[in-house]
Amino acid sequence: MSKFICQVMLALVLTLAALATTMSASAQTIPDLRGTWKGDSESIVLGGGNIHHTPAQSSEEPEFRSLPFTFTVDKQDGRRFSGTFASPRSSSKAIAVVARTGTIYLVDAEGFTQGTLIAANQMELCYLKQSPDARLASCVLLTKQP
């Protein structure tokens, strides 16, 4: 191949790569998250747990638990949103943001949660707690209700 053809091909490849990057960045739009989201947690608790997973008696051994959760999102402005995160035992106001990568950062009265916006109608939220009397790791796949 001639040097000229190689340069043209290289320029074409670089242009297509730049175009694909621009298209994927602009394609990342935040869907309307307002509404009711539901799912069951998959949790492991050692010790006292938290307001949702507090056992009747603290255990010396890790315990697998599952609870139904509802996240009602009532406000949204672009990537920022807020609502109420609730289980049968408790509820708290939560505020959150969605990063351009689809990662969700949420904070409520219990602490910090990190998650992923999987689709317009699905998000996974994972919470960790570590304290002298409790350890907890929990994820919940939430689906937006029609």
Protein backbone atom coordinates (compact mmCIF):
# COMPACT_ATOMS: atom_id res chain seq x y z
CA MET A 1 0.00 0.00 0.00
CA SER A 2 1.12 3.47 -0.66
CA LYS A 3 1.93 5.83 2.14
CA PHE A 4 -0.94 8.10 1.05
CA ILE A 5 -3.55 5.29 1.27
CA CYS A 6 -2.26 4.30 4.74
CA GLN A 7 -2.59 7.89 5.94
CA VAL A 8 -6.13 8.17 4.53
CA MET A 9 -7.14 4.89 6.19
CA LEU A 10 -5.64 5.99 9.51
CA ALA A 11 -7.48 9.31 9.33
CA LEU A 12 -10.73 7.48 8.56
CA VAL A 13 -10.29 5.08 11.50
CA LEU A 14 -9.52 7.96 13.90
CA THR A 15 -12.52 9.94 12.65
CA LEU A 16 -14.85 6.96 13.11
CA ALA A 17 -13.48 6.31 16.61
CA ALA A 18 -14.00 9.96 17.60
CA LEU A 19 -17.53 9.90 16.16
CA ALA A 20 -18.40 6.70 18.07
CA THR A 21 -17.10 8.20 21.33
CA THR A 22 -19.11 11.39 20.80
CA MET A 23 -22.25 9.43 19.97
CA SER A 24 -22.00 7.18 23.04
CA ALA A 25 -21.37 10.14 25.36
CA SER A 26 -24.35 12.06 24.02
CA ALA A 27 -26.51 8.91 24.04
CA GLN A 28 -26.18 8.66 27.85
CA THR A 29 -29.40 10.41 28.81
CA ILE A 30 -30.96 10.06 32.21
CA PRO A 31 -34.46 8.53 32.02
CA ASP A 32 -37.43 9.77 34.05
CA LEU A 33 -36.83 8.05 37.40
CA ARG A 34 -39.95 9.42 39.10
CA GLY A 35 -42.31 6.72 40.27
CA THR A 36 -42.31 3.60 42.42
CA TRP A 37 -39.46 1.07 42.27
CA LYS A 38 -39.63 -2.32 44.03
CA GLY A 39 -37.32 -5.24 44.73
CA ASP A 40 -36.11 -7.72 47.34
CA SER A 41 -32.71 -7.29 48.94
CA GLU A 42 -30.02 -9.93 49.08
CA SER A 43 -28.21 -9.15 52.31
CA ILE A 44 -25.71 -10.59 54.72
CA VAL A 45 -25.68 -9.23 58.27
CA LEU A 46 -23.27 -9.72 61.14
CA GLY A 47 -24.20 -8.21 64.48
CA GLY A 48 -26.81 -5.49 64.87
CA GLY A 49 -27.60 -4.70 61.22
CA ASN A 50 -29.31 -1.34 60.51
CA ILE A 51 -32.81 0.16 60.75
CA HIS A 52 -34.09 -2.17 58.03
CA HIS A 53 -32.25 -5.37 59.01
CA THR A 54 -32.15 -5.16 62.81
CA PRO A 55 -32.54 -8.70 64.14
CA ALA A 56 -34.49 -9.58 67.28
CA GLN A 57 -31.18 -10.73 68.72
CA SER A 58 -27.68 -9.88 67.54
CA SER A 59 -25.84 -12.88 66.14
CA GLU A 60 -22.20 -13.86 66.33
CA GLU A 61 -22.47 -15.52 62.91
CA PRO A 62 -23.31 -13.93 59.55
CA GLU A 63 -26.98 -14.25 58.60
CA PHE A 64 -28.47 -14.18 55.10
CA ARG A 65 -31.55 -11.98 54.92
CA SER A 66 -33.95 -10.68 52.32
CA LEU A 67 -36.43 -7.82 52.67
CA PRO A 68 -38.82 -6.17 50.23
CA PHE A 69 -37.87 -2.56 49.48
CA THR A 70 -39.75 0.26 47.82
CA PHE A 71 -38.03 3.38 46.52
CA THR A 72 -40.50 6.14 45.65
CA VAL A 73 -38.79 8.82 43.58
CA ASP A 74 -40.82 12.03 43.77
CA LYS A 75 -38.39 14.68 42.47
CA GLN A 76 -35.94 14.77 39.58
CA ASP A 77 -33.94 17.43 37.79
CA GLY A 78 -31.73 15.83 35.15
CA ARG A 79 -29.28 13.56 36.94
CA ARG A 80 -30.37 14.65 40.46
CA PHE A 81 -33.28 12.93 42.20
CA SER A 82 -34.80 12.32 45.61
CA GLY A 83 -37.44 10.20 47.26
CA THR A 84 -38.22 7.80 50.08
CA PHE A 85 -36.47 4.45 50.51
CA ALA A 86 -38.61 2.07 52.60
CA SER A 87 -38.79 -1.46 53.97
CA PRO A 88 -41.51 -3.00 56.19
CA ARG A 89 -39.47 -1.85 59.23
CA SER A 90 -38.48 1.72 58.38
CA SER A 91 -38.21 4.47 55.78
CA SER A 92 -35.96 7.46 55.15
CA LYS A 93 -35.58 10.31 52.70
CA ALA A 94 -32.84 9.77 50.14
CA ILE A 95 -31.05 12.08 47.73
CA ALA A 96 -29.03 10.85 44.78
CA VAL A 97 -27.19 11.65 41.57
CA VAL A 98 -26.46 9.60 38.45
CA ALA A 99 -22.93 9.84 37.05
CA ARG A 100 -22.44 9.95 33.28
CA THR A 101 -21.31 6.32 33.49
CA GLY A 102 -24.69 5.25 34.92
CA THR A 103 -23.34 4.88 38.47
CA ILE A 104 -25.79 6.03 41.15
CA TYR A 105 -24.55 7.72 44.34
CA LEU A 106 -27.22 7.85 47.05
CA VAL A 107 -27.21 9.09 50.62
CA ASP A 108 -29.90 8.68 53.28
CA ALA A 109 -30.12 8.67 57.07
CA GLU A 110 -28.27 5.32 57.22
CA GLY A 111 -25.30 6.26 55.08
CA PHE A 112 -24.10 5.84 51.53
CA THR A 113 -25.28 3.57 48.75
CA GLN A 114 -23.72 3.02 45.35
CA GLY A 115 -25.59 1.56 42.44
CA THR A 116 -26.02 1.26 38.71
CA LEU A 117 -28.72 2.42 36.38
CA ILE A 118 -29.08 -0.81 34.40
CA ALA A 119 -31.96 0.29 32.15
CA ALA A 120 -34.65 2.97 32.12
CA ASN A 121 -36.75 0.71 34.38
CA GLN A 122 -34.06 -1.07 36.45
CA MET A 123 -31.46 0.02 38.98
CA GLU A 124 -29.32 -1.95 41.39
CA LEU A 125 -28.41 -0.32 44.70
CA CYS A 126 -25.76 -1.73 47.06
CA TYR A 127 -25.25 -0.60 50.65
CA LEU A 128 -22.39 -1.31 53.05
CA LYS A 129 -22.22 -0.65 56.77
CA GLN A 130 -19.32 -1.21 59.12
CA SER A 131 -19.45 -0.24 62.78
CA PRO A 132 -18.17 -1.72 66.05
CA ASP A 133 -21.46 -3.57 66.59
CA ALA A 134 -22.61 -4.34 63.04
CA ARG A 135 -21.56 -5.24 59.55
CA LEU A 136 -23.94 -5.34 56.61
CA ALA A 137 -23.62 -5.85 52.86
CA SER A 138 -26.80 -5.61 50.83
CA CYS A 139 -27.85 -5.23 47.20
CA VAL A 140 -31.35 -4.78 45.81
CA LEU A 141 -32.41 -4.91 42.17
CA LEU A 142 -35.25 -2.41 41.84
CA THR A 143 -37.73 -2.44 38.97
CA LYS A 144 -39.87 0.57 38.12
CA GLN A 145 -43.53 -0.24 38.50
CA PRO A 146 -45.92 0.54 35.63
